[in-house]
PDB file of N, CA and C in Angstrom:
ATOM      1  N   MET A   1     124.574  33.824 154.613  1.00  0.00           N
ATOM      2  CA  MET A   1     125.187  33.276 155.801  1.00  0.00           C
ATOM      3  C   MET A   1     126.332  34.167 156.266  1.00  0.00           C
ATOM      4  N   GLN A   2     127.154  34.599 155.323  1.00  0.00           N
ATOM      5  CA  GLN A   2     128.305  35.438 155.689  1.00  0.00           C
ATOM      6  C   GLN A   2     127.836  36.732 156.336  1.00  0.00           C
ATOM      7  N   GLN A   3     126.813  37.352 155.781  1.00  0.00           N
ATOM      8  CA  GLN A   3     126.302  38.602 156.345  1.00  0.00           C
ATOM      9  C   GLN A   3     125.739  38.390 157.741  1.00  0.00           C
ATOM     10  N   ASN A   4     124.982  37.324 157.950  1.00  0.00           N
ATOM     11  CA  ASN A   4     124.407  37.043 159.262  1.00  0.00           C
ATOM     12  C   ASN A   4     125.462  36.677 160.297  1.00  0.00           C
ATOM     13  N   SER A   5     126.587  36.144 159.858  1.00  0.00           N
ATOM     14  CA  SER A   5     127.641  35.781 160.811  1.00  0.00           C
ATOM     15  C   SER A   5     128.317  37.017 161.393  1.00  0.00           C
ATOM     16  N   GLY A   6     128.253  38.135 160.647  1.00  0.00           N
ATOM     17  CA  GLY A   6     128.928  39.343 161.096  1.00  0.00           C
ATOM     18  C   GLY A   6     130.430  39.315 160.866  1.00  0.00           C
ATOM     19  N   LEU A   7     130.903  38.282 160.182  1.00  0.00           N
ATOM     20  CA  LEU A   7     132.336  38.120 159.925  1.00  0.00           C
ATOM     21  C   LEU A   7     132.687  38.570 158.520  1.00  0.00           C
ATOM     22  N   PRO A   8     133.904  39.085 158.354  1.00  0.00           N
ATOM     23  CA  PRO A   8     134.351  39.335 156.977  1.00  0.00           C
ATOM     24  C   PRO A   8     134.513  37.994 156.262  1.00  0.00           C
ATOM     25  N   ALA A   9     134.363  37.992 154.945  1.00  0.00           N
ATOM     26  CA  ALA A   9     134.417  36.751 154.167  1.00  0.00           C
ATOM     27  C   ALA A   9     135.716  35.981 154.411  1.00  0.00           C
ATOM     28  N   ARG A  10     136.828  36.670 154.612  1.00  0.00           N
ATOM     29  CA  ARG A  10     138.107  35.973 154.798  1.00  0.00           C
ATOM     30  C   ARG A  10     138.126  35.115 156.069  1.00  0.00           C
ATOM     31  N   LYS A  11     137.246  35.424 157.035  1.00  0.00           N
ATOM     32  CA  LYS A  11     137.187  34.651 158.280  1.00  0.00           C
ATOM     33  C   LYS A  11     136.422  33.339 158.114  1.00  0.00           C
ATOM     34  N   LEU A  12     135.842  33.110 156.935  1.00  0.00           N
ATOM     35  CA  LEU A  12     135.120  31.869 156.680  1.00  0.00           C
ATOM     36  C   LEU A  12     136.024  30.770 156.128  1.00  0.00           C
ATOM     37  N   PHE A  13     137.284  31.095 155.896  1.00  0.00           N
ATOM     38  CA  PHE A  13     138.225  30.131 155.333  1.00  0.00           C
ATOM     39  C   PHE A  13     138.859  29.263 156.411  1.00  0.00           C
ATOM     40  N   ASN A  14     138.974  27.978 156.112  1.00  0.00           N
ATOM     41  CA  ASN A  14     139.673  27.025 156.968  1.00  0.00           C
ATOM     42  C   ASN A  14     141.171  27.174 156.692  1.00  0.00           C
ATOM     43  N   THR A  15     141.825  28.034 157.446  1.00  0.00           N
ATOM     44  CA  THR A  15     143.214  28.380 157.181  1.00  0.00           C
ATOM     45  C   THR A  15     144.192  27.250 157.493  1.00  0.00           C
ATOM     46  N   SER A  16     143.724  26.213 158.179  1.00  0.00           N
ATOM     47  CA  SER A  16     144.626  25.101 158.476  1.00  0.00           C
ATOM     48  C   SER A  16     144.418  23.912 157.535  1.00  0.00           C
ATOM     49  N   GLY A  17     143.563  24.076 156.551  1.00  0.00           N
ATOM     50  CA  GLY A  17     143.270  22.980 155.637  1.00  0.00           C
ATOM     51  C   GLY A  17     144.237  22.882 154.471  1.00  0.00           C
ATOM     52  N   GLN A  18     144.317  21.688 153.900  1.00  0.00           N
ATOM     53  CA  GLN A  18     145.189  21.442 152.749  1.00  0.00           C
ATOM     54  C   GLN A  18     144.783  22.265 151.533  1.00  0.00           C
ATOM     55  N   ALA A  19     143.477  22.387 151.291  1.00  0.00           N
ATOM     56  CA  ALA A  19     143.008  23.127 150.116  1.00  0.00           C
ATOM     57  C   ALA A  19     143.412  24.601 150.214  1.00  0.00           C
ATOM     58  N   TYR A  20     143.377  25.155 151.416  1.00  0.00           N
ATOM     59  CA  TYR A  20     143.779  26.552 151.637  1.00  0.00           C
ATOM     60  C   TYR A  20     145.262  26.722 151.321  1.00  0.00           C
ATOM     61  N   ARG A  21     146.074  25.833 151.854  1.00  0.00           N
ATOM     62  CA  ARG A  21     147.526  25.925 151.626  1.00  0.00           C
ATOM     63  C   ARG A  21     147.873  25.639 150.170  1.00  0.00           C
ATOM     64  N   ALA A  22     147.295  24.582 149.607  1.00  0.00           N
ATOM     65  CA  ALA A  22     147.609  24.201 148.224  1.00  0.00           C
ATOM     66  C   ALA A  22     147.178  25.277 147.232  1.00  0.00           C
ATOM     67  N   GLY A  23     146.098  25.982 147.544  1.00  0.00           N
ATOM     68  CA  GLY A  23     145.607  27.017 146.651  1.00  0.00           C
ATOM     69  C   GLY A  23     146.279  28.364 146.852  1.00  0.00           C
ATOM     70  N   GLY A  24     147.194  28.440 147.815  1.00  0.00           N
ATOM     71  CA  GLY A  24     147.897  29.690 148.070  1.00  0.00           C
ATOM     72  C   GLY A  24     146.991  30.801 148.578  1.00  0.00           C
ATOM     73  N   PHE A  25     145.941  30.437 149.290  1.00  0.00           N
ATOM     74  CA  PHE A  25     144.970  31.436 149.723  1.00  0.00           C
ATOM     75  C   PHE A  25     145.521  32.385 150.780  1.00  0.00           C
ATOM     76  N   GLY A  26     146.547  32.004 151.508  1.00  0.00           N
ATOM     77  CA  GLY A  26     147.153  32.920 152.468  1.00  0.00           C
ATOM     78  C   GLY A  26     147.566  34.218 151.796  1.00  0.00           C
ATOM     79  N   GLU A  27     148.096  34.109 150.602  1.00  0.00           N
ATOM     80  CA  GLU A  27     148.526  35.277 149.831  1.00  0.00           C
ATOM     81  C   GLU A  27     147.401  35.807 148.941  1.00  0.00           C
ATOM     82  N   ARG A  28     146.631  34.912 148.359  1.00  0.00           N
ATOM     83  CA  ARG A  28     145.590  35.314 147.409  1.00  0.00           C
ATOM     84  C   ARG A  28     144.486  36.153 148.049  1.00  0.00           C
ATOM     85  N   LEU A  29     144.147  35.868 149.314  1.00  0.00           N
ATOM     86  CA  LEU A  29     143.054  36.595 149.958  1.00  0.00           C
ATOM     87  C   LEU A  29     143.342  38.086 150.069  1.00  0.00           C
ATOM     88  N   LYS A  30     144.607  38.451 150.097  1.00  0.00           N
ATOM     89  CA  LYS A  30     144.989  39.856 150.231  1.00  0.00           C
ATOM     90  C   LYS A  30     144.482  40.704 149.068  1.00  0.00           C
ATOM     91  N   SER A  31     144.325  40.091 147.903  1.00  0.00           N
ATOM     92  CA  SER A  31     143.896  40.850 146.726  1.00  0.00           C
ATOM     93  C   SER A  31     142.489  40.475 146.242  1.00  0.00           C
ATOM     94  N   MET A  32     141.801  39.617 146.964  1.00  0.00           N
ATOM     95  CA  MET A  32     140.459  39.187 146.557  1.00  0.00           C
ATOM     96  C   MET A  32     139.391  40.047 147.221  1.00  0.00           C
ATOM     97  N   ASP A  33     138.317  40.344 146.472  1.00  0.00           N
ATOM     98  CA  ASP A  33     137.185  41.029 147.094  1.00  0.00           C
ATOM     99  C   ASP A  33     136.236  39.974 147.678  1.00  0.00           C
ATOM    100  N   ASP A  34     135.230  40.420 148.424  1.00  0.00           N
ATOM    101  CA  ASP A  34     134.311  39.490 149.083  1.00  0.00           C
ATOM    102  C   ASP A  34     133.616  38.554 148.100  1.00  0.00           C
ATOM    103  N   ASP A  35     133.201  39.074 146.946  1.00  0.00           N
ATOM    104  CA  ASP A  35     132.512  38.228 145.966  1.00  0.00           C
ATOM    105  C   ASP A  35     133.415  37.101 145.485  1.00  0.00           C
ATOM    106  N   ALA A  36     134.680  37.394 145.242  1.00  0.00           N
ATOM    107  CA  ALA A  36     135.628  36.364 144.799  1.00  0.00           C
ATOM    108  C   ALA A  36     135.882  35.348 145.910  1.00  0.00           C
ATOM    109  N   MET A  37     135.938  35.824 147.146  1.00  0.00           N
ATOM    110  CA  MET A  37     136.134  34.904 148.277  1.00  0.00           C
ATOM    111  C   MET A  37     134.950  33.956 148.415  1.00  0.00           C
ATOM    112  N   ILE A  38     133.747  34.504 148.343  1.00  0.00           N
ATOM    113  CA  ILE A  38     132.543  33.676 148.461  1.00  0.00           C
ATOM    114  C   ILE A  38     132.481  32.673 147.309  1.00  0.00           C
ATOM    115  N   ALA A  39     132.860  33.082 146.114  1.00  0.00           N
ATOM    116  CA  ALA A  39     132.883  32.173 144.966  1.00  0.00           C
ATOM    117  C   ALA A  39     133.883  31.043 145.194  1.00  0.00           C
ATOM    118  N   ALA A  40     135.055  31.348 145.751  1.00  0.00           N
ATOM    119  CA  ALA A  40     136.055  30.309 146.032  1.00  0.00           C
ATOM    120  C   ALA A  40     135.537  29.338 147.081  1.00  0.00           C
ATOM    121  N   LEU A  41     134.873  29.852 148.111  1.00  0.00           N
ATOM    122  CA  LEU A  41     134.303  28.986 149.155  1.00  0.00           C
ATOM    123  C   LEU A  41     133.211  28.083 148.582  1.00  0.00           C
ATOM    124  N   ALA A  42     132.390  28.644 147.690  1.00  0.00           N
ATOM    125  CA  ALA A  42     131.311  27.864 147.079  1.00  0.00           C
ATOM    126  C   ALA A  42     131.861  26.791 146.140  1.00  0.00           C
ATOM    127  N   ALA A  43     132.996  27.064 145.520  1.00  0.00           N
ATOM    128  CA  ALA A  43     133.578  26.126 144.562  1.00  0.00           C
ATOM    129  C   ALA A  43     134.284  24.954 145.239  1.00  0.00           C
ATOM    130  N   ASP A  44     134.771  25.158 146.458  1.00  0.00           N
ATOM    131  CA  ASP A  44     135.515  24.094 147.150  1.00  0.00           C
ATOM    132  C   ASP A  44     135.145  24.092 148.625  1.00  0.00           C
ATOM    133  N   GLY A  45     134.276  23.167 149.003  1.00  0.00           N
ATOM    134  CA  GLY A  45     133.812  23.068 150.383  1.00  0.00           C
ATOM    135  C   GLY A  45     134.914  22.823 151.392  1.00  0.00           C
ATOM    136  N   LEU A  46     136.057  22.303 150.936  1.00  0.00           N
ATOM    137  CA  LEU A  46     137.169  22.074 151.863  1.00  0.00           C
ATOM    138  C   LEU A  46     137.805  23.379 152.336  1.00  0.00           C
ATOM    139  N   LEU A  47     137.498  24.475 151.691  1.00  0.00           N
ATOM    140  CA  LEU A  47     138.024  25.775 152.108  1.00  0.00           C
ATOM    141  C   LEU A  47     137.230  26.379 153.267  1.00  0.00           C
ATOM    142  N   VAL A  48     136.029  25.861 153.527  1.00  0.00           N
ATOM    143  CA  VAL A  48     135.120  26.456 154.504  1.00  0.00           C
ATOM    144  C   VAL A  48     135.472  26.020 155.921  1.00  0.00           C
ATOM    145  N   LYS A  49     135.564  27.023 156.804  1.00  0.00           N
ATOM    146  CA  LYS A  49     135.810  26.759 158.225  1.00  0.00           C
ATOM    147  C   LYS A  49     134.584  26.059 158.802  1.00  0.00           C
ATOM    148  N   ARG A  50     134.818  25.099 159.658  1.00  0.00           N
ATOM    149  CA  ARG A  50     133.741  24.352 160.288  1.00  0.00           C
ATOM    150  C   ARG A  50     133.966  24.310 161.793  1.00  0.00           C
ATOM    151  N   PRO A  51     132.965  24.043 162.581  1.00  0.00           N
ATOM    152  CA  PRO A  51     131.570  23.824 162.214  1.00  0.00           C
ATOM    153  C   PRO A  51     130.870  25.144 161.900  1.00  0.00           C
ATOM    154  N   ILE A  52     129.746  25.017 161.215  1.00  0.00           N
ATOM    155  CA  ILE A  52     128.871  26.157 160.980  1.00  0.00           C
ATOM    156  C   ILE A  52     127.528  25.811 161.604  1.00  0.00           C
ATOM    157  N   PHE A  53     127.086  26.673 162.491  1.00  0.00           N
ATOM    158  CA  PHE A  53     125.813  26.484 163.187  1.00  0.00           C
ATOM    159  C   PHE A  53     124.888  27.618 162.765  1.00  0.00           C
ATOM    160  N   THR A  54     123.684  27.273 162.338  1.00  0.00           N
ATOM    161  CA  THR A  54     122.695  28.294 161.986  1.00  0.00           C
ATOM    162  C   THR A  54     121.391  28.006 162.708  1.00  0.00           C
ATOM    163  N   ARG A  55     120.773  29.064 163.167  1.00  0.00           N
ATOM    164  CA  ARG A  55     119.428  28.973 163.748  1.00  0.00           C
ATOM    165  C   ARG A  55     118.771  30.313 163.482  1.00  0.00           C
ATOM    166  N   GLY A  56     117.831  30.321 162.568  1.00  0.00           N
ATOM    167  CA  GLY A  56     117.225  31.577 162.161  1.00  0.00           C
ATOM    168  C   GLY A  56     118.288  32.481 161.557  1.00  0.00           C
ATOM    169  N   ALA A  57     118.402  33.691 162.088  1.00  0.00           N
ATOM    170  CA  ALA A  57     119.405  34.639 161.587  1.00  0.00           C
ATOM    171  C   ALA A  57     120.764  34.448 162.249  1.00  0.00           C
ATOM    172  N   LEU A  58     120.840  33.596 163.283  1.00  0.00           N
ATOM    173  CA  LEU A  58     122.096  33.364 163.995  1.00  0.00           C
ATOM    174  C   LEU A  58     122.997  32.431 163.191  1.00  0.00           C
ATOM    175  N   VAL A  59     124.237  32.840 162.988  1.00  0.00           N
ATOM    176  CA  VAL A  59     125.230  32.009 162.312  1.00  0.00           C
ATOM    177  C   VAL A  59     126.513  32.048 163.128  1.00  0.00           C
ATOM    178  N   LEU A  60     126.995  30.879 163.535  1.00  0.00           N
ATOM    179  CA  LEU A  60     128.273  30.760 164.234  1.00  0.00           C
ATOM    180  C   LEU A  60     129.216  29.963 163.343  1.00  0.00           C
ATOM    181  N   VAL A  61     130.417  30.491 163.154  1.00  0.00           N
ATOM    182  CA  VAL A  61     131.405  29.841 162.289  1.00  0.00           C
ATOM    183  C   VAL A  61     132.619  29.496 163.124  1.00  0.00           C
ATOM    184  N   GLY A  62     133.073  28.239 163.012  1.00  0.00           N
ATOM    185  CA  GLY A  62     134.180  27.787 163.850  1.00  0.00           C
ATOM    186  C   GLY A  62     133.639  27.453 165.226  1.00  0.00           C
ATOM    187  N   PHE A  63     134.492  26.952 166.102  1.00  0.00           N
ATOM    188  CA  PHE A  63     134.022  26.595 167.439  1.00  0.00           C
ATOM    189  C   PHE A  63     134.577  27.551 168.468  1.00  0.00           C
ATOM    190  N   SER A  64     133.674  28.127 169.219  1.00  0.00           N
ATOM    191  CA  SER A  64     134.008  28.943 170.382  1.00  0.00           C
ATOM    192  C   SER A  64     133.012  28.581 171.465  1.00  0.00           C
ATOM    193  N   ALA A  65     133.499  27.977 172.547  1.00  0.00           N
ATOM    194  CA  ALA A  65     132.613  27.564 173.633  1.00  0.00           C
ATOM    195  C   ALA A  65     131.804  28.756 174.144  1.00  0.00           C
ATOM    196  N   ASP A  66     132.432  29.915 174.242  1.00  0.00           N
ATOM    197  CA  ASP A  66     131.730  31.111 174.717  1.00  0.00           C
ATOM    198  C   ASP A  66     130.604  31.509 173.778  1.00  0.00           C
ATOM    199  N   ALA A  67     130.867  31.500 172.486  1.00  0.00           N
ATOM    200  CA  ALA A  67     129.844  31.888 171.506  1.00  0.00           C
ATOM    201  C   ALA A  67     128.662  30.922 171.547  1.00  0.00           C
ATOM    202  N   TYR A  68     128.940  29.634 171.668  1.00  0.00           N
ATOM    203  CA  TYR A  68     127.865  28.651 171.730  1.00  0.00           C
ATOM    204  C   TYR A  68     127.073  28.808 173.023  1.00  0.00           C
ATOM    205  N   ALA A  69     127.751  29.100 174.136  1.00  0.00           N
ATOM    206  CA  ALA A  69     127.059  29.309 175.404  1.00  0.00           C
ATOM    207  C   ALA A  69     126.173  30.546 175.330  1.00  0.00           C
ATOM    208  N   ARG A  70     126.678  31.635 174.737  1.00  0.00           N
ATOM    209  CA  ARG A  70     125.863  32.847 174.596  1.00  0.00           C
ATOM    210  C   ARG A  70     124.653  32.576 173.701  1.00  0.00           C
ATOM    211  N   ALA A  71     124.836  31.812 172.639  1.00  0.00           N
ATOM    212  CA  ALA A  71     123.733  31.491 171.730  1.00  0.00           C
ATOM    213  C   ALA A  71     122.679  30.656 172.455  1.00  0.00           C
ATOM    214  N   ARG A  72     123.125  29.739 173.291  1.00  0.00           N
ATOM    215  CA  ARG A  72     122.206  28.896 174.031  1.00  0.00           C
ATOM    216  C   ARG A  72     121.419  29.733 175.022  1.00  0.00           C
ATOM    217  N   LEU A  73     122.092  30.645 175.717  1.00  0.00           N
ATOM    218  CA  LEU A  73     121.406  31.480 176.695  1.00  0.00           C
ATOM    219  C   LEU A  73     120.414  32.426 176.028  1.00  0.00           C
ATOM    220  N   SER A  74     120.749  32.914 174.845  1.00  0.00           N
ATOM    221  CA  SER A  74     119.839  33.833 174.171  1.00  0.00           C
ATOM    222  C   SER A  74     118.593  33.116 173.666  1.00  0.00           C
ATOM    223  N   ALA A  75     118.661  31.789 173.558  1.00  0.00           N
ATOM    224  CA  ALA A  75     117.505  31.020 173.079  1.00  0.00           C
ATOM    225  C   ALA A  75     116.508  30.742 174.205  1.00  0.00           C
ATOM    226  N   LEU A  76     116.939  30.937 175.443  1.00  0.00           N
ATOM    227  CA  LEU A  76     116.043  30.641 176.579  1.00  0.00           C
ATOM    228  C   LEU A  76     114.978  31.695 176.763  1.00  0.00           C
TER     229      LEU A  76
END
């Protein structure tokens, strides 16, 4: 999913969530590699930015009206 989104792993984190703040991820992400980030996201679903939309190879993370509109137009 992360690869199909085209985003770096750090962009998959819900930076405004309690789990992110309580876990000190603002500082921890600076020294984590992608594998460690993905493992942290898999271990605690509250760290994951939402919504996540998938359709085939298309993955949209977070909400962007423009991104959703472009995805809709590309499906026509």
